[in-house]
Amino acid sequence: MSASITVRCDRTGQYGSCPTQLFTTTSDADEAYAYASRLGWTVNGTPDYCPQHSSNTRPTPAVVPLHLREP
């Protein structure tokens, strides 16, 4: 069994927390955060924000299956 990192949006509001999460296939936090950043996430450890809550204009689906080995 191998571990993998899921980056979650830490935005909370009046009606609950943001459900957006980014599944990765890596166990390396730096690699997962680098990929999330390229997708428009604001990631600096904690808090992490999805593009919608980081005032980023790049849309991303609520759940993104991720394979980090890009060509």
C-alpha atoms as a PDB file:
ATOM      1  CA  MET A   1       0.000   0.000   0.000  1.00  0.00           C
ATOM      2  CA  SER A   2       1.304   3.464  -0.826  1.00  0.00           C
ATOM      3  CA  ALA A   3       0.415   6.864   0.546  1.00  0.00           C
ATOM      4  CA  SER A   4      -0.673   9.813  -1.556  1.00  0.00           C
ATOM      5  CA  ILE A   5      -1.390  13.437  -0.776  1.00  0.00           C
ATOM      6  CA  THR A   6      -4.753  15.150  -1.182  1.00  0.00           C
ATOM      7  CA  VAL A   7      -4.722  18.956  -1.137  1.00  0.00           C
ATOM      8  CA  ARG A   8      -7.930  20.367   0.350  1.00  0.00           C
ATOM      9  CA  CYS A   9      -9.326  23.894   0.319  1.00  0.00           C
ATOM     10  CA  ASP A  10      -9.233  25.336   3.838  1.00  0.00           C
ATOM     11  CA  ARG A  11     -11.909  27.958   3.198  1.00  0.00           C
ATOM     12  CA  THR A  12     -14.714  27.957   5.731  1.00  0.00           C
ATOM     13  CA  GLY A  13     -17.810  30.082   5.678  1.00  0.00           C
ATOM     14  CA  GLN A  14     -21.165  30.572   7.303  1.00  0.00           C
ATOM     15  CA  TYR A  15     -22.575  27.327   5.904  1.00  0.00           C
ATOM     16  CA  GLY A  16     -19.552  25.039   6.184  1.00  0.00           C
ATOM     17  CA  SER A  17     -16.261  24.277   4.521  1.00  0.00           C
ATOM     18  CA  CYS A  18     -15.348  24.237   0.842  1.00  0.00           C
ATOM     19  CA  PRO A  19     -15.512  20.643  -0.463  1.00  0.00           C
ATOM     20  CA  THR A  20     -12.886  21.203  -3.187  1.00  0.00           C
ATOM     21  CA  GLN A  21      -9.977  18.797  -3.080  1.00  0.00           C
ATOM     22  CA  LEU A  22      -7.144  17.838  -5.396  1.00  0.00           C
ATOM     23  CA  PHE A  23      -6.179  14.170  -5.373  1.00  0.00           C
ATOM     24  CA  THR A  24      -2.548  13.443  -6.224  1.00  0.00           C
ATOM     25  CA  THR A  25      -0.615  10.277  -6.898  1.00  0.00           C
ATOM     26  CA  THR A  26       2.485  11.344  -4.995  1.00  0.00           C
ATOM     27  CA  SER A  27       3.589  11.021  -1.396  1.00  0.00           C
ATOM     28  CA  ASP A  28       5.924  14.028  -1.776  1.00  0.00           C
ATOM     29  CA  ALA A  29       4.301  17.186  -0.347  1.00  0.00           C
ATOM     30  CA  ASP A  30       6.477  19.573  -2.365  1.00  0.00           C
ATOM     31  CA  GLU A  31       5.547  17.837  -5.625  1.00  0.00           C
ATOM     32  CA  ALA A  32       1.827  17.857  -4.753  1.00  0.00           C
ATOM     33  CA  TYR A  33       1.902  21.554  -3.806  1.00  0.00           C
ATOM     34  CA  ALA A  34       3.864  22.455  -6.948  1.00  0.00           C
ATOM     35  CA  TYR A  35       1.231  20.791  -9.128  1.00  0.00           C
ATOM     36  CA  ALA A  36      -1.623  22.414  -7.188  1.00  0.00           C
ATOM     37  CA  SER A  37       0.033  25.793  -7.631  1.00  0.00           C
ATOM     38  CA  ARG A  38       0.256  25.253 -11.399  1.00  0.00           C
ATOM     39  CA  LEU A  39      -3.499  24.558 -11.395  1.00  0.00           C
ATOM     40  CA  GLY A  40      -4.225  27.899  -9.708  1.00  0.00           C
ATOM     41  CA  TRP A  41      -4.331  26.879  -6.061  1.00  0.00           C
ATOM     42  CA  THR A  42      -2.843  29.139  -3.389  1.00  0.00           C
ATOM     43  CA  VAL A  43      -0.696  26.748  -1.390  1.00  0.00           C
ATOM     44  CA  ASN A  44       1.788  27.673   1.284  1.00  0.00           C
ATOM     45  CA  GLY A  45       1.165  24.889   3.763  1.00  0.00           C
ATOM     46  CA  THR A  46      -1.823  26.115   5.742  1.00  0.00           C
ATOM     47  CA  PRO A  47      -4.194  27.574   4.770  1.00  0.00           C
ATOM     48  CA  ASP A  48      -4.492  26.235   1.230  1.00  0.00           C
ATOM     49  CA  TYR A  49      -7.156  27.662  -1.073  1.00  0.00           C
ATOM     50  CA  CYS A  50      -8.695  26.359  -4.287  1.00  0.00           C
ATOM     51  CA  PRO A  51      -8.677  28.709  -7.302  1.00  0.00           C
ATOM     52  CA  GLN A  52     -12.220  29.872  -6.551  1.00  0.00           C
ATOM     53  CA  HIS A  53     -11.334  30.978  -3.009  1.00  0.00           C
ATOM     54  CA  SER A  54      -7.864  32.286  -3.780  1.00  0.00           C
ATOM     55  CA  SER A  55      -9.311  34.891  -6.177  1.00  0.00           C
ATOM     56  CA  ASN A  56      -7.748  33.053  -9.069  1.00  0.00           C
ATOM     57  CA  THR A  57      -9.649  33.288 -12.330  1.00  0.00           C
ATOM     58  CA  ARG A  58      -8.616  29.834 -13.572  1.00  0.00           C
ATOM     59  CA  PRO A  59     -11.552  27.457 -12.987  1.00  0.00           C
ATOM     60  CA  THR A  60     -10.904  23.955 -11.724  1.00  0.00           C
ATOM     61  CA  PRO A  61     -13.370  21.140 -11.093  1.00  0.00           C
ATOM     62  CA  ALA A  62     -14.212  20.268  -7.482  1.00  0.00           C
ATOM     63  CA  VAL A  63     -12.306  16.990  -7.760  1.00  0.00           C
ATOM     64  CA  VAL A  64      -9.372  16.583 -10.128  1.00  0.00           C
ATOM     65  CA  PRO A  65      -7.840  13.133 -10.674  1.00  0.00           C
ATOM     66  CA  LEU A  66      -4.138  13.726 -10.922  1.00  0.00           C
ATOM     67  CA  HIS A  67      -1.257  11.854 -12.502  1.00  0.00           C
ATOM     68  CA  LEU A  68       1.898  13.786 -11.760  1.00  0.00           C
ATOM     69  CA  ARG A  69       4.183  12.243 -14.313  1.00  0.00           C
ATOM     70  CA  GLU A  70       3.777  14.812 -17.076  1.00  0.00           C
ATOM     71  CA  PRO A  71       5.603  14.477 -20.397  1.00  0.00           C
END
